Amino acid sequence: MTSSLLVFNVAVLAALGYFWIRWHVSKREEFIRTEPFPPGLLDKLAAKRPELALKDRQLVARALRQFFLAYLKSGRKFVSMPSQLADDLWHEFILYTRHYQAYCGKAFGGYLHHTPVVVLGVNQRDNAGLRRVWWHCCREENIDPRSPTRLPLLFALDGKFSLADGFRYAADCAALRKGGDGKVYCGGDFAGSGGGDGSDGFGDSGSDGGCGGGCGGGD
């Protein structure tokens, strides 16, 4: 076999591998977007958050799917949960142990573990897990992660319902800086200096040194 033919064969195999991976990821994305959550799950959330109407709980479910998509698209690296409401639903979902395990297998190819809530800090740019989620949620909603004009659903959720124990974010960094509200975090700060896919340049550790996120999970 000549060297040029060998190079050609390697290139073909690489291309086939790339398209196979993309097809596989697209099937997992479709599953996350469309697979129904287990019966009664939203009722469990209602018991914890009785102020939420059914349509509100359905919105929380949509936000949780957004978090799952961010985890998948990040290459199953560590991700931080930016919403207390979505985290509440995630907790309830995990209690459906067999259903959750089967869901993770089909959605991610492995179990998405849940790690304890992180301590809020002052350096948003250090929080690699939160930055990954921010980047992919913005891309999901066609928002520029470095200069957002609005918040993606997962980051807007707690503020929308004025959740007392939730996390609050703002898209307008200039107004936030001027107001000096230390309890609200600027979404644009999470864009960081990573690569265009939202993962390059981000640390892979399971520990978060930054702020603005709740529980997390991943490898």
N, C-alpha and C. Protein backbone atom coordinates (compact mmCIF):
# COMPACT_ATOMS: atom_id res chain seq x y z
N MET A 1 0.85 -1.20 0.00
CA MET A 1 0.00 0.00 0.00
C MET A 1 0.89 1.25 0.00
N THR A 2 0.66 2.14 -0.96
CA THR A 2 1.46 3.35 -1.04
C THR A 2 1.10 4.29 0.11
N SER A 3 2.03 5.21 0.39
CA SER A 3 1.80 6.14 1.49
C SER A 3 0.59 7.03 1.23
N SER A 4 0.39 7.42 -0.05
CA SER A 4 -0.76 8.29 -0.36
C SER A 4 -2.08 7.55 -0.16
N LEU A 5 -2.11 6.27 -0.50
CA LEU A 5 -3.32 5.48 -0.28
C LEU A 5 -3.58 5.28 1.20
N LEU A 6 -2.50 5.08 1.95
CA LEU A 6 -2.65 4.93 3.40
C LEU A 6 -3.22 6.20 4.01
N VAL A 7 -2.70 7.35 3.59
CA VAL A 7 -3.20 8.63 4.10
C VAL A 7 -4.67 8.81 3.74
N PHE A 8 -5.03 8.41 2.51
CA PHE A 8 -6.43 8.53 2.08
C PHE A 8 -7.34 7.66 2.94
N ASN A 9 -6.91 6.42 3.18
CA ASN A 9 -7.72 5.51 3.99
C ASN A 9 -7.89 6.03 5.41
N VAL A 10 -6.82 6.56 5.97
CA VAL A 10 -6.90 7.13 7.32
C VAL A 10 -7.86 8.30 7.35
N ALA A 11 -7.80 9.14 6.31
CA ALA A 11 -8.68 10.31 6.25
C ALA A 11 -10.14 9.88 6.14
N VAL A 12 -10.40 8.85 5.33
CA VAL A 12 -11.77 8.35 5.19
C VAL A 12 -12.28 7.80 6.51
N LEU A 13 -11.44 7.01 7.19
CA LEU A 13 -11.85 6.45 8.48
C LEU A 13 -12.11 7.55 9.50
N ALA A 14 -11.26 8.58 9.49
CA ALA A 14 -11.44 9.70 10.42
C ALA A 14 -12.76 10.42 10.14
N ALA A 15 -13.06 10.62 8.85
CA ALA A 15 -14.30 11.29 8.47
C ALA A 15 -15.52 10.46 8.88
N LEU A 16 -15.44 9.15 8.63
CA LEU A 16 -16.54 8.28 9.01
C LEU A 16 -16.73 8.28 10.53
N GLY A 17 -15.62 8.28 11.26
CA GLY A 17 -15.71 8.32 12.73
C GLY A 17 -16.34 9.60 13.21
N TYR A 18 -15.96 10.72 12.59
CA TYR A 18 -16.51 12.02 12.97
C TYR A 18 -18.02 12.05 12.75
N PHE A 19 -18.46 11.61 11.56
CA PHE A 19 -19.89 11.66 11.25
C PHE A 19 -20.68 10.66 12.10
N TRP A 20 -20.06 9.54 12.45
CA TRP A 20 -20.74 8.58 13.33
C TRP A 20 -20.95 9.19 14.70
N ILE A 21 -19.93 9.87 15.21
CA ILE A 21 -20.05 10.51 16.52
C ILE A 21 -21.12 11.60 16.48
N ARG A 22 -21.11 12.42 15.43
CA ARG A 22 -22.11 13.47 15.32
C ARG A 22 -23.53 12.89 15.25
N TRP A 23 -23.69 11.81 14.50
CA TRP A 23 -25.00 11.17 14.41
C TRP A 23 -25.43 10.64 15.77
N HIS A 24 -24.48 10.04 16.48
CA HIS A 24 -24.79 9.47 17.80
C HIS A 24 -25.18 10.57 18.77
N VAL A 25 -24.47 11.68 18.75
CA VAL A 25 -24.79 12.81 19.63
C VAL A 25 -26.16 13.39 19.27
N SER A 26 -26.45 13.48 17.97
CA SER A 26 -27.74 14.04 17.56
C SER A 26 -28.89 13.16 18.05
N LYS A 27 -28.69 11.84 18.06
CA LYS A 27 -29.73 10.94 18.57
C LYS A 27 -29.92 11.14 20.08
N ARG A 28 -28.83 11.35 20.78
CA ARG A 28 -28.92 11.60 22.22
C ARG A 28 -29.61 12.94 22.49
N GLU A 29 -29.31 13.95 21.68
CA GLU A 29 -29.97 15.25 21.82
C GLU A 29 -31.48 15.10 21.61
N GLU A 30 -31.86 14.38 20.59
CA GLU A 30 -33.28 14.16 20.31
C GLU A 30 -33.96 13.46 21.48
N PHE A 31 -33.28 12.50 22.06
CA PHE A 31 -33.84 11.79 23.22
C PHE A 31 -34.08 12.75 24.38
N ILE A 32 -33.09 13.58 24.68
CA ILE A 32 -33.22 14.52 25.80
C ILE A 32 -34.37 15.49 25.56
N ARG A 33 -34.53 15.94 24.33
CA ARG A 33 -35.57 16.92 24.02
C ARG A 33 -36.98 16.33 24.08
N THR A 34 -37.09 15.06 23.76
CA THR A 34 -38.44 14.50 23.55
C THR A 34 -38.87 13.43 24.54
N GLU A 35 -37.93 12.78 25.22
CA GLU A 35 -38.31 11.68 26.12
C GLU A 35 -39.12 12.22 27.31
N PRO A 36 -40.32 11.70 27.54
CA PRO A 36 -41.12 12.17 28.68
C PRO A 36 -40.43 11.84 30.01
N PHE A 37 -40.55 12.74 30.96
CA PHE A 37 -40.10 12.44 32.31
C PHE A 37 -41.08 11.46 32.95
N PRO A 38 -40.68 10.77 34.00
CA PRO A 38 -41.56 9.75 34.59
C PRO A 38 -42.87 10.36 35.12
N PRO A 39 -43.95 9.60 35.03
CA PRO A 39 -45.25 10.09 35.54
C PRO A 39 -45.14 10.46 37.02
N GLY A 40 -45.74 11.58 37.36
CA GLY A 40 -45.76 12.01 38.75
C GLY A 40 -44.58 12.88 39.15
N LEU A 41 -43.58 13.03 38.28
CA LEU A 41 -42.39 13.81 38.66
C LEU A 41 -42.73 15.27 38.93
N LEU A 42 -43.55 15.86 38.06
CA LEU A 42 -43.91 17.27 38.27
C LEU A 42 -44.78 17.44 39.50
N ASP A 43 -45.52 16.40 39.88
CA ASP A 43 -46.30 16.46 41.12
C ASP A 43 -45.38 16.50 42.34
N LYS A 44 -44.26 15.79 42.25
CA LYS A 44 -43.27 15.83 43.33
C LYS A 44 -42.71 17.24 43.50
N LEU A 45 -42.48 17.89 42.38
CA LEU A 45 -42.01 19.28 42.45
C LEU A 45 -43.07 20.18 43.05
N ALA A 46 -44.34 19.91 42.73
CA ALA A 46 -45.43 20.72 43.28
C ALA A 46 -45.50 20.61 44.80
N ALA A 47 -45.18 19.43 45.32
CA ALA A 47 -45.19 19.25 46.78
C ALA A 47 -44.12 20.10 47.44
N LYS A 48 -43.00 20.28 46.74
CA LYS A 48 -41.90 21.08 47.30
C LYS A 48 -42.09 22.56 47.04
N ARG A 49 -42.65 22.88 45.87
CA ARG A 49 -42.86 24.27 45.47
C ARG A 49 -44.34 24.46 45.11
N PRO A 50 -45.23 24.50 46.10
CA PRO A 50 -46.68 24.57 45.82
C PRO A 50 -47.10 25.85 45.13
N GLU A 51 -46.25 26.87 45.13
CA GLU A 51 -46.61 28.12 44.47
C GLU A 51 -46.54 28.02 42.95
N LEU A 52 -45.95 26.94 42.43
CA LEU A 52 -45.78 26.80 40.99
C LEU A 52 -47.01 26.14 40.36
N ALA A 53 -47.59 26.79 39.37
CA ALA A 53 -48.69 26.21 38.60
C ALA A 53 -48.12 25.13 37.67
N LEU A 54 -49.00 24.37 37.06
CA LEU A 54 -48.55 23.29 36.18
C LEU A 54 -47.69 23.83 35.04
N LYS A 55 -48.10 24.93 34.43
CA LYS A 55 -47.32 25.49 33.33
C LYS A 55 -45.94 25.95 33.81
N ASP A 56 -45.84 26.38 35.07
CA ASP A 56 -44.56 26.79 35.63
C ASP A 56 -43.65 25.57 35.83
N ARG A 57 -44.25 24.48 36.30
CA ARG A 57 -43.47 23.25 36.49
C ARG A 57 -43.01 22.68 35.16
N GLN A 58 -43.82 22.84 34.14
CA GLN A 58 -43.43 22.39 32.81
C GLN A 58 -42.26 23.22 32.28
N LEU A 59 -42.23 24.49 32.64
CA LEU A 59 -41.10 25.36 32.26
C LEU A 59 -39.83 24.91 32.99
N VAL A 60 -39.96 24.53 34.25
CA VAL A 60 -38.81 24.02 35.01
C VAL A 60 -38.28 22.74 34.35
N ALA A 61 -39.19 21.88 33.89
CA ALA A 61 -38.78 20.66 33.21
C ALA A 61 -38.02 20.98 31.93
N ARG A 62 -38.47 21.99 31.22
CA ARG A 62 -37.77 22.40 30.00
C ARG A 62 -36.37 22.91 30.34
N ALA A 63 -36.25 23.64 31.43
CA ALA A 63 -34.94 24.15 31.85
C ALA A 63 -34.01 23.01 32.24
N LEU A 64 -34.55 21.98 32.90
CA LEU A 64 -33.72 20.83 33.27
C LEU A 64 -33.21 20.12 32.01
N ARG A 65 -34.05 20.02 31.00
CA ARG A 65 -33.61 19.43 29.74
C ARG A 65 -32.46 20.26 29.15
N GLN A 66 -32.55 21.58 29.30
CA GLN A 66 -31.49 22.45 28.80
C GLN A 66 -30.17 22.15 29.51
N PHE A 67 -30.24 21.90 30.81
CA PHE A 67 -29.05 21.53 31.58
C PHE A 67 -28.48 20.21 31.10
N PHE A 68 -29.34 19.23 30.86
CA PHE A 68 -28.89 17.93 30.37
C PHE A 68 -28.23 18.06 28.99
N LEU A 69 -28.79 18.91 28.13
CA LEU A 69 -28.20 19.13 26.82
C LEU A 69 -26.82 19.77 26.94
N ALA A 70 -26.69 20.71 27.86
CA ALA A 70 -25.39 21.36 28.07
C ALA A 70 -24.34 20.35 28.52
N TYR A 71 -24.75 19.41 29.37
CA TYR A 71 -23.82 18.37 29.83
C TYR A 71 -23.39 17.48 28.66
N LEU A 72 -24.35 17.08 27.84
CA LEU A 72 -24.03 16.24 26.70
C LEU A 72 -23.10 16.97 25.73
N LYS A 73 -23.43 18.22 25.40
CA LYS A 73 -22.66 18.97 24.41
C LYS A 73 -21.28 19.37 24.92
N SER A 74 -21.09 19.37 26.22
CA SER A 74 -19.78 19.70 26.79
C SER A 74 -18.84 18.51 26.74
N GLY A 75 -19.32 17.38 26.21
CA GLY A 75 -18.49 16.18 26.20
C GLY A 75 -18.49 15.47 27.54
N ARG A 76 -19.58 15.65 28.31
CA ARG A 76 -19.76 15.03 29.62
C ARG A 76 -18.71 15.49 30.62
N LYS A 77 -18.24 16.72 30.46
CA LYS A 77 -17.35 17.30 31.47
C LYS A 77 -18.20 17.86 32.61
N PHE A 78 -17.54 18.23 33.71
CA PHE A 78 -18.26 18.71 34.88
C PHE A 78 -19.06 19.96 34.54
N VAL A 79 -20.31 19.99 34.99
CA VAL A 79 -21.18 21.14 34.77
C VAL A 79 -21.82 21.54 36.10
N SER A 80 -22.08 22.83 36.26
CA SER A 80 -22.73 23.35 37.46
C SER A 80 -24.17 23.74 37.14
N MET A 81 -25.04 23.50 38.09
CA MET A 81 -26.46 23.81 37.93
C MET A 81 -26.73 25.26 38.35
N PRO A 82 -27.18 26.13 37.44
CA PRO A 82 -27.38 27.54 37.78
C PRO A 82 -28.78 27.88 38.31
N SER A 83 -29.64 26.91 38.47
CA SER A 83 -31.02 27.18 38.92
C SER A 83 -31.39 26.28 40.08
N GLN A 84 -31.88 26.87 41.15
CA GLN A 84 -32.34 26.07 42.28
C GLN A 84 -33.61 25.30 41.93
N LEU A 85 -34.48 25.92 41.13
CA LEU A 85 -35.72 25.24 40.75
C LEU A 85 -35.43 24.01 39.88
N ALA A 86 -34.58 24.16 38.90
CA ALA A 86 -34.22 23.02 38.06
C ALA A 86 -33.50 21.96 38.88
N ASP A 87 -32.72 22.41 39.86
CA ASP A 87 -32.02 21.46 40.72
C ASP A 87 -33.01 20.69 41.59
N ASP A 88 -34.07 21.35 42.04
CA ASP A 88 -35.11 20.66 42.81
C ASP A 88 -35.71 19.52 41.99
N LEU A 89 -35.99 19.81 40.72
CA LEU A 89 -36.57 18.79 39.86
C LEU A 89 -35.57 17.67 39.58
N TRP A 90 -34.32 18.02 39.43
CA TRP A 90 -33.27 17.03 39.22
C TRP A 90 -33.19 16.08 40.42
N HIS A 91 -33.23 16.66 41.63
CA HIS A 91 -33.23 15.84 42.85
C HIS A 91 -34.38 14.83 42.83
N GLU A 92 -35.57 15.31 42.49
CA GLU A 92 -36.74 14.43 42.48
C GLU A 92 -36.60 13.35 41.41
N PHE A 93 -36.04 13.70 40.27
CA PHE A 93 -35.85 12.74 39.19
C PHE A 93 -34.90 11.62 39.62
N ILE A 94 -33.84 11.95 40.33
CA ILE A 94 -32.86 10.96 40.78
C ILE A 94 -33.51 9.92 41.69
N LEU A 95 -34.56 10.32 42.43
CA LEU A 95 -35.24 9.39 43.33
C LEU A 95 -36.01 8.31 42.57
N TYR A 96 -36.30 8.56 41.31
CA TYR A 96 -36.86 7.52 40.44
C TYR A 96 -35.66 6.70 39.92
N THR A 97 -35.05 5.95 40.79
CA THR A 97 -33.71 5.42 40.55
C THR A 97 -33.58 4.63 39.24
N ARG A 98 -34.46 3.69 39.00
CA ARG A 98 -34.34 2.87 37.79
C ARG A 98 -34.60 3.70 36.53
N HIS A 99 -35.61 4.55 36.61
CA HIS A 99 -35.94 5.40 35.46
C HIS A 99 -34.79 6.35 35.18
N TYR A 100 -34.23 6.94 36.23
CA TYR A 100 -33.14 7.90 36.04
C TYR A 100 -31.90 7.22 35.47
N GLN A 101 -31.58 6.04 35.96
CA GLN A 101 -30.43 5.31 35.46
C GLN A 101 -30.60 4.97 33.98
N ALA A 102 -31.80 4.51 33.60
CA ALA A 102 -32.07 4.19 32.20
C ALA A 102 -32.01 5.46 31.33
N TYR A 103 -32.54 6.55 31.86
CA TYR A 103 -32.54 7.82 31.13
C TYR A 103 -31.10 8.26 30.86
N CYS A 104 -30.26 8.21 31.87
CA CYS A 104 -28.86 8.63 31.72
C CYS A 104 -28.14 7.78 30.68
N GLY A 105 -28.41 6.47 30.70
CA GLY A 105 -27.77 5.59 29.74
C GLY A 105 -28.09 5.97 28.31
N LYS A 106 -29.35 6.30 28.05
CA LYS A 106 -29.75 6.65 26.70
C LYS A 106 -29.36 8.09 26.34
N ALA A 107 -29.37 8.97 27.31
CA ALA A 107 -29.07 10.37 27.04
C ALA A 107 -27.58 10.66 26.96
N PHE A 108 -26.80 10.01 27.83
CA PHE A 108 -25.38 10.35 27.94
C PHE A 108 -24.43 9.17 27.72
N GLY A 109 -24.97 7.96 27.73
CA GLY A 109 -24.11 6.80 27.64
C GLY A 109 -23.48 6.43 28.96
N GLY A 110 -23.95 7.02 30.04
CA GLY A 110 -23.43 6.75 31.37
C GLY A 110 -24.19 7.57 32.39
N TYR A 111 -23.98 7.28 33.65
CA TYR A 111 -24.73 7.90 34.74
C TYR A 111 -24.23 9.32 35.00
N LEU A 112 -25.16 10.27 35.08
CA LEU A 112 -24.83 11.64 35.46
C LEU A 112 -24.96 11.77 36.97
N HIS A 113 -23.82 11.79 37.65
CA HIS A 113 -23.82 11.87 39.10
C HIS A 113 -24.13 13.29 39.56
N HIS A 114 -24.57 13.39 40.77
CA HIS A 114 -24.94 14.67 41.39
C HIS A 114 -23.97 14.95 42.52
N THR A 115 -23.35 16.11 42.50
CA THR A 115 -22.41 16.48 43.56
C THR A 115 -23.00 17.61 44.40
N PRO A 116 -22.54 17.77 45.64
CA PRO A 116 -23.14 18.77 46.54
C PRO A 116 -23.03 20.19 46.02
N VAL A 117 -23.87 21.03 46.58
CA VAL A 117 -23.90 22.43 46.19
C VAL A 117 -22.54 23.07 46.43
N VAL A 118 -22.13 23.96 45.51
CA VAL A 118 -20.86 24.64 45.65
C VAL A 118 -21.04 25.91 46.48
N VAL A 119 -19.96 26.38 47.05
CA VAL A 119 -19.98 27.60 47.85
C VAL A 119 -19.86 28.79 46.91
N LEU A 120 -20.72 29.77 47.09
CA LEU A 120 -20.65 30.94 46.24
C LEU A 120 -19.41 31.75 46.56
N GLY A 121 -18.75 32.21 45.51
CA GLY A 121 -17.54 33.02 45.66
C GLY A 121 -17.69 34.33 44.93
N VAL A 122 -16.57 34.97 44.62
CA VAL A 122 -16.61 36.27 43.97
C VAL A 122 -16.03 36.24 42.57
N ASN A 123 -15.36 35.15 42.18
CA ASN A 123 -14.69 35.12 40.88
C ASN A 123 -15.46 34.24 39.90
N GLN A 124 -16.37 34.87 39.13
CA GLN A 124 -17.20 34.12 38.21
C GLN A 124 -16.38 33.39 37.16
N ARG A 125 -15.26 33.96 36.75
CA ARG A 125 -14.49 33.42 35.64
C ARG A 125 -13.80 32.12 36.00
N ASP A 126 -13.68 31.79 37.27
CA ASP A 126 -13.02 30.56 37.66
C ASP A 126 -13.96 29.35 37.59
N ASN A 127 -15.24 29.60 37.47
CA ASN A 127 -16.20 28.50 37.56
C ASN A 127 -16.38 27.83 36.20
N ALA A 128 -15.51 26.86 35.91
CA ALA A 128 -15.52 26.22 34.60
C ALA A 128 -16.83 25.48 34.35
N GLY A 129 -17.36 24.82 35.38
CA GLY A 129 -18.60 24.08 35.20
C GLY A 129 -19.77 24.97 34.85
N LEU A 130 -19.82 26.14 35.45
CA LEU A 130 -20.91 27.08 35.16
C LEU A 130 -20.72 27.71 33.80
N ARG A 131 -19.48 27.98 33.42
CA ARG A 131 -19.20 28.58 32.12
C ARG A 131 -19.60 27.64 30.99
N ARG A 132 -19.36 26.35 31.18
CA ARG A 132 -19.78 25.40 30.15
C ARG A 132 -21.30 25.46 29.94
N VAL A 133 -22.02 25.46 31.05
CA VAL A 133 -23.48 25.49 30.96
C VAL A 133 -23.95 26.79 30.32
N TRP A 134 -23.36 27.90 30.73
CA TRP A 134 -23.72 29.20 30.16
C TRP A 134 -23.52 29.19 28.65
N TRP A 135 -22.36 28.72 28.22
CA TRP A 135 -22.03 28.75 26.79
C TRP A 135 -23.04 27.95 25.98
N HIS A 136 -23.31 26.73 26.42
CA HIS A 136 -24.18 25.86 25.64
C HIS A 136 -25.64 26.27 25.72
N CYS A 137 -26.07 26.81 26.86
CA CYS A 137 -27.45 27.31 26.96
C CYS A 137 -27.64 28.51 26.04
N CYS A 138 -26.64 29.38 25.98
CA CYS A 138 -26.73 30.53 25.08
C CYS A 138 -26.80 30.08 23.63
N ARG A 139 -25.96 29.13 23.26
CA ARG A 139 -25.97 28.65 21.89
C ARG A 139 -27.30 27.97 21.55
N GLU A 140 -27.88 27.32 22.53
CA GLU A 140 -29.18 26.66 22.34
C GLU A 140 -30.25 27.67 21.97
N GLU A 141 -30.14 28.90 22.50
CA GLU A 141 -31.16 29.93 22.27
C GLU A 141 -30.66 31.05 21.36
N ASN A 142 -29.56 30.79 20.64
CA ASN A 142 -29.01 31.78 19.70
C ASN A 142 -28.69 33.11 20.37
N ILE A 143 -28.09 33.01 21.55
CA ILE A 143 -27.64 34.19 22.30
C ILE A 143 -26.12 34.25 22.23
N ASP A 144 -25.57 35.44 22.05
CA ASP A 144 -24.12 35.60 22.08
C ASP A 144 -23.66 35.47 23.53
N PRO A 145 -22.90 34.43 23.89
CA PRO A 145 -22.54 34.23 25.30
C PRO A 145 -21.62 35.31 25.85
N ARG A 146 -20.88 35.99 24.98
CA ARG A 146 -19.96 37.03 25.44
C ARG A 146 -20.63 38.39 25.57
N SER A 147 -21.72 38.59 24.82
CA SER A 147 -22.43 39.87 24.88
C SER A 147 -23.93 39.61 24.81
N PRO A 148 -24.49 39.01 25.85
CA PRO A 148 -25.90 38.61 25.81
C PRO A 148 -26.84 39.80 25.96
N THR A 149 -27.93 39.74 25.21
CA THR A 149 -28.98 40.76 25.36
C THR A 149 -30.10 40.25 26.24
N ARG A 150 -30.09 38.95 26.53
CA ARG A 150 -31.07 38.35 27.43
C ARG A 150 -30.45 37.08 28.01
N LEU A 151 -31.13 36.51 28.98
CA LEU A 151 -30.65 35.30 29.62
C LEU A 151 -31.30 34.07 29.02
N PRO A 152 -30.54 32.98 28.87
CA PRO A 152 -31.19 31.71 28.50
C PRO A 152 -32.08 31.24 29.65
N LEU A 153 -33.03 30.40 29.32
CA LEU A 153 -34.04 29.98 30.29
C LEU A 153 -33.45 29.48 31.60
N LEU A 154 -32.48 28.60 31.54
CA LEU A 154 -31.95 27.99 32.76
C LEU A 154 -31.40 29.02 33.72
N PHE A 155 -30.84 30.10 33.20
CA PHE A 155 -30.27 31.16 34.03
C PHE A 155 -31.31 32.20 34.45
N ALA A 156 -32.42 32.26 33.73
CA ALA A 156 -33.46 33.24 34.04
C ALA A 156 -34.51 32.69 35.00
N LEU A 157 -34.53 31.37 35.17
CA LEU A 157 -35.64 30.70 35.83
C LEU A 157 -35.90 31.18 37.26
N ASP A 158 -34.89 31.17 38.11
CA ASP A 158 -35.10 31.54 39.52
C ASP A 158 -35.53 32.99 39.67
N GLY A 159 -34.95 33.86 38.84
CA GLY A 159 -35.34 35.27 38.89
C GLY A 159 -36.76 35.48 38.41
N LYS A 160 -37.17 34.72 37.42
CA LYS A 160 -38.53 34.83 36.88
C LYS A 160 -39.57 34.59 37.96
N PHE A 161 -39.28 33.64 38.86
CA PHE A 161 -40.24 33.32 39.92
C PHE A 161 -39.85 33.93 41.27
N SER A 162 -38.90 34.86 41.23
CA SER A 162 -38.46 35.56 42.45
C SER A 162 -38.18 34.59 43.59
N LEU A 163 -37.46 33.54 43.27
CA LEU A 163 -37.17 32.49 44.24
C LEU A 163 -36.24 33.01 45.33
N ALA A 164 -36.70 32.96 46.56
CA ALA A 164 -35.91 33.52 47.67
C ALA A 164 -34.58 32.80 47.84
N ASP A 165 -34.55 31.49 47.62
CA ASP A 165 -33.33 30.72 47.79
C ASP A 165 -32.66 30.39 46.46
N GLY A 166 -33.03 31.15 45.41
CA GLY A 166 -32.51 30.87 44.09
C GLY A 166 -31.28 31.68 43.74
N PHE A 167 -30.80 31.45 42.52
CA PHE A 167 -29.66 32.19 41.98
C PHE A 167 -30.18 33.19 40.96
N ARG A 168 -29.65 34.40 41.00
CA ARG A 168 -30.12 35.45 40.11
C ARG A 168 -28.98 35.94 39.23
N TYR A 169 -29.33 36.17 37.95
CA TYR A 169 -28.36 36.61 36.97
C TYR A 169 -28.91 37.81 36.21
N ALA A 170 -28.02 38.54 35.56
CA ALA A 170 -28.41 39.66 34.72
C ALA A 170 -27.63 39.59 33.42
N ALA A 171 -28.29 39.96 32.31
CA ALA A 171 -27.60 39.99 31.02
C ALA A 171 -26.85 41.30 30.84
N ASP A 172 -27.39 42.39 31.38
CA ASP A 172 -26.79 43.71 31.23
C ASP A 172 -25.71 43.92 32.29
N CYS A 173 -24.47 43.65 31.93
CA CYS A 173 -23.38 43.74 32.90
C CYS A 173 -23.14 45.18 33.35
N ALA A 174 -23.27 46.13 32.41
CA ALA A 174 -23.00 47.53 32.75
C ALA A 174 -23.96 48.02 33.83
N ALA A 175 -25.25 47.72 33.65
CA ALA A 175 -26.24 48.15 34.64
C ALA A 175 -26.00 47.46 35.97
N LEU A 176 -25.59 46.20 35.92
CA LEU A 176 -25.33 45.46 37.15
C LEU A 176 -24.16 46.05 37.90
N ARG A 177 -23.08 46.38 37.17
CA ARG A 177 -21.91 46.98 37.80
C ARG A 177 -22.29 48.31 38.46
N LYS A 178 -23.10 49.10 37.75
CA LYS A 178 -23.51 50.40 38.26
C LYS A 178 -24.37 50.25 39.50
N GLY A 179 -25.26 49.23 39.49
CA GLY A 179 -26.14 49.02 40.63
C GLY A 179 -25.43 48.42 41.81
N GLY A 180 -24.36 47.67 41.54
CA GLY A 180 -23.56 47.10 42.62
C GLY A 180 -24.30 46.06 43.45
N ASP A 181 -25.18 45.29 42.81
CA ASP A 181 -25.93 44.27 43.53
C ASP A 181 -25.07 43.01 43.61
N GLY A 182 -24.55 42.71 44.79
CA GLY A 182 -23.67 41.57 44.97
C GLY A 182 -24.37 40.23 44.95
N LYS A 183 -25.70 40.23 44.95
CA LYS A 183 -26.45 38.97 44.93
C LYS A 183 -26.88 38.57 43.53
N VAL A 184 -26.57 39.41 42.56
CA VAL A 184 -26.90 39.11 41.16
C VAL A 184 -25.60 38.97 40.39
N TYR A 185 -25.53 37.96 39.53
CA TYR A 185 -24.31 37.67 38.80
C TYR A 185 -24.49 38.00 37.32
N CYS A 186 -23.44 38.47 36.70
CA CYS A 186 -23.49 38.88 35.31
C CYS A 186 -23.24 37.70 34.40
N GLY A 187 -24.20 37.41 33.52
CA GLY A 187 -24.06 36.28 32.62
C GLY A 187 -22.84 36.37 31.74
N GLY A 188 -22.54 37.57 31.23
CA GLY A 188 -21.40 37.73 30.35
C GLY A 188 -20.08 37.35 30.98
N ASP A 189 -20.00 37.40 32.30
CA ASP A 189 -18.76 37.03 32.98
C ASP A 189 -18.44 35.55 32.81
N PHE A 190 -19.45 34.75 32.51
CA PHE A 190 -19.23 33.31 32.40
C PHE A 190 -18.73 32.89 31.04
N ALA A 191 -18.66 33.83 30.06
CA ALA A 191 -18.19 33.47 28.73
C ALA A 191 -16.72 33.10 28.76
N GLY A 192 -15.94 33.77 29.60
CA GLY A 192 -14.53 33.43 29.76
C GLY A 192 -13.76 33.61 28.47
N SER A 193 -12.65 32.88 28.37
CA SER A 193 -11.78 32.98 27.20
C SER A 193 -11.62 31.63 26.53
N GLY A 194 -12.60 30.74 26.73
CA GLY A 194 -12.52 29.40 26.15
C GLY A 194 -12.72 29.43 24.66
N GLY A 195 -12.60 28.27 24.03
CA GLY A 195 -12.74 28.16 22.60
C GLY A 195 -14.17 28.31 22.15
N GLY A 196 -14.36 28.28 20.85
CA GLY A 196 -15.67 28.54 20.28
C GLY A 196 -16.71 27.50 20.64
N ASP A 197 -16.28 26.33 21.12
CA ASP A 197 -17.28 25.32 21.46
C ASP A 197 -17.65 25.36 22.92
N GLY A 198 -17.10 26.34 23.65
CA GLY A 198 -17.47 26.48 25.05
C GLY A 198 -16.77 25.51 25.96
N SER A 199 -15.81 24.75 25.43
CA SER A 199 -15.14 23.78 26.29
C SER A 199 -13.64 23.98 26.32
N ASP A 200 -13.03 24.41 25.22
CA ASP A 200 -11.60 24.58 25.18
C ASP A 200 -11.15 25.62 26.20
N GLY A 201 -10.13 25.32 26.93
CA GLY A 201 -9.61 26.26 27.91
C GLY A 201 -10.31 26.21 29.24
N PHE A 202 -11.31 25.38 29.39
CA PHE A 202 -12.03 25.25 30.65
C PHE A 202 -11.42 24.13 31.45
N GLY A 203 -11.26 24.34 32.74
CA GLY A 203 -10.74 23.29 33.60
C GLY A 203 -11.67 22.10 33.68
N ASP A 204 -11.13 20.93 33.92
CA ASP A 204 -11.93 19.71 33.94
C ASP A 204 -12.19 19.21 35.35
N SER A 205 -11.77 19.93 36.34
CA SER A 205 -11.93 19.45 37.71
C SER A 205 -13.38 19.45 38.13
N GLY A 206 -13.72 18.56 39.03
CA GLY A 206 -15.08 18.51 39.56
C GLY A 206 -15.34 19.53 40.63
N SER A 207 -14.36 20.32 40.98
CA SER A 207 -14.55 21.34 42.02
C SER A 207 -14.68 22.69 41.36
N ASP A 208 -15.59 23.50 41.85
CA ASP A 208 -15.82 24.84 41.29
C ASP A 208 -15.28 25.88 42.22
N GLY A 209 -14.46 26.78 41.69
CA GLY A 209 -13.92 27.85 42.50
C GLY A 209 -14.67 29.13 42.34
N GLY A 210 -15.74 29.11 41.54
CA GLY A 210 -16.41 30.35 41.24
C GLY A 210 -17.73 30.50 41.94
N CYS A 211 -18.63 31.25 41.30
CA CYS A 211 -19.88 31.59 41.98
C CYS A 211 -21.06 31.37 41.08
N GLY A 212 -22.23 31.55 41.64
CA GLY A 212 -23.45 31.62 40.87
C GLY A 212 -24.04 30.31 40.49
N GLY A 213 -23.56 29.19 41.00
CA GLY A 213 -24.13 27.90 40.63
C GLY A 213 -24.50 27.08 41.84
N GLY A 214 -25.35 26.13 41.64
CA GLY A 214 -25.75 25.24 42.71
C GLY A 214 -25.06 23.91 42.58
N CYS A 215 -25.83 22.81 42.67
CA CYS A 215 -25.24 21.48 42.53
C CYS A 215 -24.72 21.28 41.13
N GLY A 216 -23.84 20.30 41.00
CA GLY A 216 -23.28 20.01 39.69
C GLY A 216 -23.13 18.54 39.50
N GLY A 217 -22.62 18.17 38.33
CA GLY A 217 -22.41 16.76 38.06
C GLY A 217 -21.55 16.59 36.85
N GLY A 218 -21.14 15.35 36.61
CA GLY A 218 -20.34 15.04 35.44
C GLY A 218 -19.02 14.43 35.81
N ASP A 219 -18.22 14.16 34.80
CA ASP A 219 -16.93 13.51 34.99
C ASP A 219 -15.90 14.49 35.52
